[in-house]
Amino acid sequence: MGLADVSAAVCAALNGPVGAAPATVESTTHFLRPAHTSVVATARPLRVGRNTVIEVDVHDADGELCARVTQVVTAVKPKTS
């Protein structure tokens, strides 16, 4: 579920502190049906904070929900010298 992981990381980065890198702390995937076509992932934040909760839906070309991924993503601030 690399697509869902990247989608969640981008969503967390866009909604988190400026300059912080997203790091996945927890991930749960529910596979609902096989995807026999191309897929599209849609990520949305459910809770934004130090630990951000992201939900990602993966749909096939027919619009059918194939997987739902929930991730907890933390914001890692870069070290300052």
C-alpha atoms as a PDB file:
ATOM      1  CA  MET A   1       0.000   0.000   0.000  1.00  0.00           C
ATOM      2  CA  GLY A   2       2.740   2.380  -1.002  1.00  0.00           C
ATOM      3  CA  LEU A   3       0.251   4.667  -2.745  1.00  0.00           C
ATOM      4  CA  ALA A   4      -1.785   5.076   0.444  1.00  0.00           C
ATOM      5  CA  ASP A   5       1.355   5.638   2.543  1.00  0.00           C
ATOM      6  CA  VAL A   6       2.634   8.370   0.223  1.00  0.00           C
ATOM      7  CA  SER A   7      -0.825   9.975   0.056  1.00  0.00           C
ATOM      8  CA  ALA A   8      -1.046  10.038   3.854  1.00  0.00           C
ATOM      9  CA  ALA A   9       2.464  11.488   4.168  1.00  0.00           C
ATOM     10  CA  VAL A  10       1.689  14.290   1.697  1.00  0.00           C
ATOM     11  CA  CYS A  11      -1.592  15.059   3.473  1.00  0.00           C
ATOM     12  CA  ALA A  12       0.175  15.157   6.856  1.00  0.00           C
ATOM     13  CA  ALA A  13       2.964  17.375   5.486  1.00  0.00           C
ATOM     14  CA  LEU A  14       0.461  19.826   4.006  1.00  0.00           C
ATOM     15  CA  ASN A  15      -1.487  20.016   7.269  1.00  0.00           C
ATOM     16  CA  GLY A  16       1.443  19.871   9.719  1.00  0.00           C
ATOM     17  CA  PRO A  17       4.087  22.319  10.894  1.00  0.00           C
ATOM     18  CA  VAL A  18       6.165  24.015   8.216  1.00  0.00           C
ATOM     19  CA  GLY A  19       9.485  22.284   7.650  1.00  0.00           C
ATOM     20  CA  ALA A  20       8.573  19.109   9.544  1.00  0.00           C
ATOM     21  CA  ALA A  21       8.858  15.708   7.882  1.00  0.00           C
ATOM     22  CA  PRO A  22       6.026  13.195   8.239  1.00  0.00           C
ATOM     23  CA  ALA A  23       6.809   9.808   9.814  1.00  0.00           C
ATOM     24  CA  THR A  24       4.228   7.023   9.965  1.00  0.00           C
ATOM     25  CA  VAL A  25       3.708   5.756  13.511  1.00  0.00           C
ATOM     26  CA  GLU A  26       0.827   3.340  12.892  1.00  0.00           C
ATOM     27  CA  SER A  27      -1.003   2.064   9.823  1.00  0.00           C
ATOM     28  CA  THR A  28      -4.124  -0.071   9.455  1.00  0.00           C
ATOM     29  CA  THR A  29      -5.320  -1.283   6.051  1.00  0.00           C
ATOM     30  CA  HIS A  30      -8.710  -2.784   5.262  1.00  0.00           C
ATOM     31  CA  PHE A  31      -8.737  -4.469   1.851  1.00  0.00           C
ATOM     32  CA  LEU A  32     -12.344  -4.482   0.653  1.00  0.00           C
ATOM     33  CA  ARG A  33     -12.108  -5.789  -2.921  1.00  0.00           C
ATOM     34  CA  PRO A  34      -9.440  -6.425  -5.540  1.00  0.00           C
ATOM     35  CA  ALA A  35      -8.547  -3.655  -7.960  1.00  0.00           C
ATOM     36  CA  HIS A  36      -8.312  -4.883 -11.548  1.00  0.00           C
ATOM     37  CA  THR A  37      -7.904  -1.406 -13.032  1.00  0.00           C
ATOM     38  CA  SER A  38      -5.940   1.718 -12.188  1.00  0.00           C
ATOM     39  CA  VAL A  39      -6.584   3.195  -8.742  1.00  0.00           C
ATOM     40  CA  VAL A  40      -6.872   6.644  -7.190  1.00  0.00           C
ATOM     41  CA  ALA A  41      -6.063   7.459  -3.561  1.00  0.00           C
ATOM     42  CA  THR A  42      -7.782  10.272  -1.664  1.00  0.00           C
ATOM     43  CA  ALA A  43      -6.342  11.327   1.713  1.00  0.00           C
ATOM     44  CA  ARG A  44      -8.013  13.507   4.324  1.00  0.00           C
ATOM     45  CA  PRO A  45      -6.983  14.494   7.835  1.00  0.00           C
ATOM     46  CA  LEU A  46      -9.308  13.325  10.603  1.00  0.00           C
ATOM     47  CA  ARG A  47      -7.309  14.984  13.392  1.00  0.00           C
ATOM     48  CA  VAL A  48      -4.428  17.434  13.051  1.00  0.00           C
ATOM     49  CA  GLY A  49      -1.918  17.857  15.844  1.00  0.00           C
ATOM     50  CA  ARG A  50       1.435  16.523  16.971  1.00  0.00           C
ATOM     51  CA  ASN A  51       0.164  13.130  15.863  1.00  0.00           C
ATOM     52  CA  THR A  52      -2.080  13.557  12.829  1.00  0.00           C
ATOM     53  CA  VAL A  53      -4.661  10.916  11.915  1.00  0.00           C
ATOM     54  CA  ILE A  54      -5.099  10.470   8.167  1.00  0.00           C
ATOM     55  CA  GLU A  55      -7.692   8.365   6.358  1.00  0.00           C
ATOM     56  CA  VAL A  56      -6.974   7.264   2.786  1.00  0.00           C
ATOM     57  CA  ASP A  57      -9.565   5.748   0.454  1.00  0.00           C
ATOM     58  CA  VAL A  58      -8.352   3.812  -2.584  1.00  0.00           C
ATOM     59  CA  HIS A  59     -10.899   3.578  -5.436  1.00  0.00           C
ATOM     60  CA  ASP A  60     -10.641   1.729  -8.730  1.00  0.00           C
ATOM     61  CA  ALA A  61     -11.477   3.239 -12.131  1.00  0.00           C
ATOM     62  CA  ASP A  62     -15.146   2.310 -11.656  1.00  0.00           C
ATOM     63  CA  GLY A  63     -15.292   4.325  -8.426  1.00  0.00           C
ATOM     64  CA  GLU A  64     -15.524   1.227  -6.217  1.00  0.00           C
ATOM     65  CA  LEU A  65     -13.831   1.459  -2.813  1.00  0.00           C
ATOM     66  CA  CYS A  66     -11.020  -1.121  -2.805  1.00  0.00           C
ATOM     67  CA  ALA A  67      -9.175  -0.247   0.406  1.00  0.00           C
ATOM     68  CA  ARG A  68      -9.376   2.093   3.371  1.00  0.00           C
ATOM     69  CA  VAL A  69      -6.190   2.970   5.225  1.00  0.00           C
ATOM     70  CA  THR A  70      -5.976   4.819   8.535  1.00  0.00           C
ATOM     71  CA  GLN A  71      -2.586   6.135   9.604  1.00  0.00           C
ATOM     72  CA  VAL A  72      -1.173   8.017  12.542  1.00  0.00           C
ATOM     73  CA  VAL A  73       1.590  10.299  11.297  1.00  0.00           C
ATOM     74  CA  THR A  74       3.874  12.346  13.516  1.00  0.00           C
ATOM     75  CA  ALA A  75       5.720  15.508  12.496  1.00  0.00           C
ATOM     76  CA  VAL A  76       9.490  15.211  12.861  1.00  0.00           C
ATOM     77  CA  LYS A  77      11.207  18.578  13.038  1.00  0.00           C
ATOM     78  CA  PRO A  78      14.715  18.780  11.575  1.00  0.00           C
ATOM     79  CA  LYS A  79      17.615  19.070  14.011  1.00  0.00           C
ATOM     80  CA  THR A  80      19.065  22.543  14.350  1.00  0.00           C
ATOM     81  CA  SER A  81      22.811  22.998  14.734  1.00  0.00           C
END
